[in-house]
Amino acid sequence: MSHIDFTQPMTFQSALQNFVLSLACVMVALRDEAAFRDEVDYATLNAANLYCSLLEDSHREAMALVDGMEKRVF
């Protein structure tokens, strides 16, 4: 994985590579919380709901952007 160089513009591919690593870490932590925490931690539950909302909103926006890119190509 490449290091982030804030002096240069970041390509989408490079940003995605960093995001995928972060997403994998978040999912492991969320799975651990769901599988091994006995008592409810409301801060974690709120954070998990925020995470789900961010993914949902990002998915909608990303799909709209992809559709726009595809229209330019085809």
N, C-alpha and C. Protein backbone atom coordinates (compact mmCIF):
# COMPACT_ATOMS: atom_id res chain seq x y z
N MET A 1 0.84 -1.17 0.00
CA MET A 1 0.00 0.00 0.00
C MET A 1 0.89 1.24 0.00
N SER A 2 0.49 2.21 -0.82
CA SER A 2 1.28 3.43 -0.92
C SER A 2 0.99 4.36 0.25
N HIS A 3 1.96 5.17 0.58
CA HIS A 3 1.78 6.16 1.64
C HIS A 3 0.99 7.34 1.07
N ILE A 4 0.31 8.04 1.94
CA ILE A 4 -0.44 9.22 1.52
C ILE A 4 0.53 10.40 1.46
N ASP A 5 0.61 11.01 0.29
CA ASP A 5 1.46 12.18 0.08
C ASP A 5 0.55 13.38 -0.13
N PHE A 6 0.45 14.21 0.91
CA PHE A 6 -0.47 15.34 0.86
C PHE A 6 0.05 16.48 -0.02
N THR A 7 1.23 16.34 -0.59
CA THR A 7 1.75 17.37 -1.49
C THR A 7 1.35 17.11 -2.93
N GLN A 8 0.75 15.93 -3.18
CA GLN A 8 0.34 15.54 -4.53
C GLN A 8 -1.16 15.21 -4.53
N PRO A 9 -1.82 15.44 -5.66
CA PRO A 9 -3.22 15.02 -5.74
C PRO A 9 -3.33 13.50 -5.60
N MET A 10 -4.35 13.05 -4.89
CA MET A 10 -4.54 11.62 -4.69
C MET A 10 -5.43 11.07 -5.80
N THR A 11 -5.04 9.97 -6.38
CA THR A 11 -5.88 9.33 -7.39
C THR A 11 -7.01 8.58 -6.70
N PHE A 12 -8.07 8.33 -7.43
CA PHE A 12 -9.18 7.57 -6.87
C PHE A 12 -8.71 6.17 -6.47
N GLN A 13 -7.88 5.54 -7.29
CA GLN A 13 -7.41 4.19 -6.99
C GLN A 13 -6.60 4.15 -5.70
N SER A 14 -5.77 5.15 -5.49
CA SER A 14 -4.97 5.21 -4.27
C SER A 14 -5.87 5.45 -3.05
N ALA A 15 -6.83 6.35 -3.18
CA ALA A 15 -7.76 6.62 -2.09
C ALA A 15 -8.58 5.38 -1.77
N LEU A 16 -9.01 4.66 -2.79
CA LEU A 16 -9.79 3.44 -2.59
C LEU A 16 -8.97 2.38 -1.87
N GLN A 17 -7.72 2.25 -2.21
CA GLN A 17 -6.85 1.28 -1.54
C GLN A 17 -6.78 1.57 -0.04
N ASN A 18 -6.63 2.82 0.32
CA ASN A 18 -6.59 3.19 1.74
C ASN A 18 -7.95 2.97 2.40
N PHE A 19 -9.02 3.28 1.70
CA PHE A 19 -10.37 3.10 2.24
C PHE A 19 -10.66 1.62 2.50
N VAL A 20 -10.28 0.75 1.58
CA VAL A 20 -10.54 -0.68 1.73
C VAL A 20 -9.86 -1.22 2.99
N LEU A 21 -8.65 -0.79 3.25
CA LEU A 21 -7.96 -1.22 4.46
C LEU A 21 -8.69 -0.73 5.70
N SER A 22 -9.10 0.53 5.68
CA SER A 22 -9.85 1.09 6.82
C SER A 22 -11.18 0.38 7.01
N LEU A 23 -11.87 0.11 5.92
CA LEU A 23 -13.16 -0.58 5.98
C LEU A 23 -12.99 -1.98 6.58
N ALA A 24 -11.96 -2.68 6.18
CA ALA A 24 -11.70 -4.01 6.74
C ALA A 24 -11.46 -3.94 8.24
N CYS A 25 -10.70 -2.96 8.70
CA CYS A 25 -10.44 -2.81 10.13
C CYS A 25 -11.72 -2.50 10.90
N VAL A 26 -12.55 -1.60 10.35
CA VAL A 26 -13.81 -1.24 11.00
C VAL A 26 -14.73 -2.45 11.08
N MET A 27 -14.80 -3.23 10.02
CA MET A 27 -15.68 -4.40 10.02
C MET A 27 -15.22 -5.45 11.03
N VAL A 28 -13.93 -5.65 11.16
CA VAL A 28 -13.41 -6.59 12.16
C VAL A 28 -13.80 -6.13 13.55
N ALA A 29 -13.62 -4.84 13.83
CA ALA A 29 -13.96 -4.31 15.15
C ALA A 29 -15.45 -4.42 15.42
N LEU A 30 -16.29 -4.14 14.42
CA LEU A 30 -17.74 -4.25 14.59
C LEU A 30 -18.16 -5.70 14.81
N ARG A 31 -17.57 -6.61 14.06
CA ARG A 31 -17.88 -8.04 14.27
C ARG A 31 -17.48 -8.48 15.68
N ASP A 32 -16.32 -8.04 16.15
CA ASP A 32 -15.89 -8.37 17.51
C ASP A 32 -16.86 -7.83 18.54
N GLU A 33 -17.30 -6.59 18.36
CA GLU A 33 -18.27 -5.99 19.29
C GLU A 33 -19.55 -6.81 19.32
N ALA A 34 -20.05 -7.18 18.14
CA ALA A 34 -21.30 -7.92 18.06
C ALA A 34 -21.16 -9.32 18.63
N ALA A 35 -20.00 -9.94 18.47
CA ALA A 35 -19.83 -11.33 18.87
C ALA A 35 -19.42 -11.49 20.33
N PHE A 36 -18.66 -10.56 20.87
CA PHE A 36 -18.03 -10.80 22.16
C PHE A 36 -18.43 -9.85 23.29
N ARG A 37 -19.09 -8.75 22.99
CA ARG A 37 -19.48 -7.83 24.06
C ARG A 37 -20.81 -8.30 24.64
N ASP A 38 -20.83 -8.53 25.95
CA ASP A 38 -22.04 -9.02 26.60
C ASP A 38 -23.04 -7.91 26.89
N GLU A 39 -22.55 -6.79 27.42
CA GLU A 39 -23.46 -5.69 27.76
C GLU A 39 -23.52 -4.71 26.59
N VAL A 40 -24.63 -4.00 26.51
CA VAL A 40 -24.81 -3.03 25.44
C VAL A 40 -23.98 -1.78 25.73
N ASP A 41 -23.19 -1.39 24.77
CA ASP A 41 -22.42 -0.14 24.85
C ASP A 41 -23.08 0.83 23.89
N TYR A 42 -23.81 1.79 24.43
CA TYR A 42 -24.59 2.69 23.59
C TYR A 42 -23.74 3.57 22.69
N ALA A 43 -22.55 3.91 23.13
CA ALA A 43 -21.67 4.70 22.28
C ALA A 43 -21.27 3.90 21.04
N THR A 44 -20.97 2.63 21.23
CA THR A 44 -20.62 1.76 20.10
C THR A 44 -21.83 1.53 19.21
N LEU A 45 -22.98 1.34 19.80
CA LEU A 45 -24.20 1.14 19.02
C LEU A 45 -24.51 2.39 18.19
N ASN A 46 -24.37 3.56 18.78
CA ASN A 46 -24.58 4.80 18.03
C ASN A 46 -23.56 4.95 16.91
N ALA A 47 -22.31 4.60 17.19
CA ALA A 47 -21.26 4.68 16.17
C ALA A 47 -21.54 3.71 15.03
N ALA A 48 -22.02 2.52 15.35
CA ALA A 48 -22.34 1.53 14.32
C ALA A 48 -23.49 2.02 13.45
N ASN A 49 -24.48 2.65 14.06
CA ASN A 49 -25.58 3.21 13.27
C ASN A 49 -25.11 4.35 12.38
N LEU A 50 -24.23 5.19 12.88
CA LEU A 50 -23.65 6.25 12.07
C LEU A 50 -22.87 5.66 10.90
N TYR A 51 -22.09 4.62 11.17
CA TYR A 51 -21.31 3.93 10.13
C TYR A 51 -22.25 3.42 9.03
N CYS A 52 -23.35 2.79 9.42
CA CYS A 52 -24.31 2.27 8.44
C CYS A 52 -24.91 3.40 7.62
N SER A 53 -25.23 4.51 8.26
CA SER A 53 -25.79 5.66 7.54
C SER A 53 -24.78 6.24 6.55
N LEU A 54 -23.52 6.33 6.98
CA LEU A 54 -22.48 6.84 6.09
C LEU A 54 -22.32 5.94 4.87
N LEU A 55 -22.33 4.64 5.09
CA LEU A 55 -22.21 3.71 3.97
C LEU A 55 -23.39 3.84 3.01
N GLU A 56 -24.59 3.95 3.57
CA GLU A 56 -25.78 4.07 2.74
C GLU A 56 -25.75 5.35 1.91
N ASP A 57 -25.44 6.47 2.56
CA ASP A 57 -25.38 7.75 1.85
C ASP A 57 -24.28 7.74 0.80
N SER A 58 -23.13 7.20 1.16
CA SER A 58 -22.00 7.15 0.23
C SER A 58 -22.32 6.26 -0.96
N HIS A 59 -23.02 5.17 -0.71
CA HIS A 59 -23.38 4.26 -1.80
C HIS A 59 -24.27 4.95 -2.81
N ARG A 60 -25.28 5.66 -2.33
CA ARG A 60 -26.19 6.39 -3.23
C ARG A 60 -25.42 7.41 -4.07
N GLU A 61 -24.57 8.18 -3.42
CA GLU A 61 -23.83 9.20 -4.14
C GLU A 61 -22.84 8.59 -5.12
N ALA A 62 -22.15 7.53 -4.69
CA ALA A 62 -21.17 6.88 -5.57
C ALA A 62 -21.86 6.30 -6.81
N MET A 63 -23.03 5.70 -6.62
CA MET A 63 -23.75 5.12 -7.76
C MET A 63 -24.18 6.22 -8.74
N ALA A 64 -24.60 7.37 -8.22
CA ALA A 64 -24.97 8.48 -9.09
C ALA A 64 -23.76 8.97 -9.88
N LEU A 65 -22.61 9.05 -9.22
CA LEU A 65 -21.39 9.48 -9.91
C LEU A 65 -20.96 8.47 -10.97
N VAL A 66 -21.05 7.19 -10.64
CA VAL A 66 -20.71 6.14 -11.61
C VAL A 66 -21.65 6.20 -12.81
N ASP A 67 -22.94 6.40 -12.55
CA ASP A 67 -23.90 6.51 -13.66
C ASP A 67 -23.52 7.67 -14.58
N GLY A 68 -23.14 8.81 -13.99
CA GLY A 68 -22.73 9.95 -14.80
C GLY A 68 -21.48 9.66 -15.62
N MET A 69 -20.54 8.95 -15.02
CA MET A 69 -19.32 8.59 -15.76
C MET A 69 -19.64 7.64 -16.90
N GLU A 70 -20.54 6.67 -16.65
CA GLU A 70 -20.90 5.71 -17.68
C GLU A 70 -21.62 6.39 -18.85
N LYS A 71 -22.45 7.39 -18.55
CA LYS A 71 -23.16 8.10 -19.61
C LYS A 71 -22.19 8.84 -20.54
N ARG A 72 -21.08 9.32 -19.96
CA ARG A 72 -20.08 10.00 -20.78
C ARG A 72 -19.33 9.02 -21.66
N VAL A 73 -19.19 7.78 -21.21
CA VAL A 73 -18.43 6.78 -21.95
C VAL A 73 -19.27 6.16 -23.06
N PHE A 74 -20.52 5.89 -22.75
CA PHE A 74 -21.37 5.16 -23.71
C PHE A 74 -22.21 6.09 -24.48
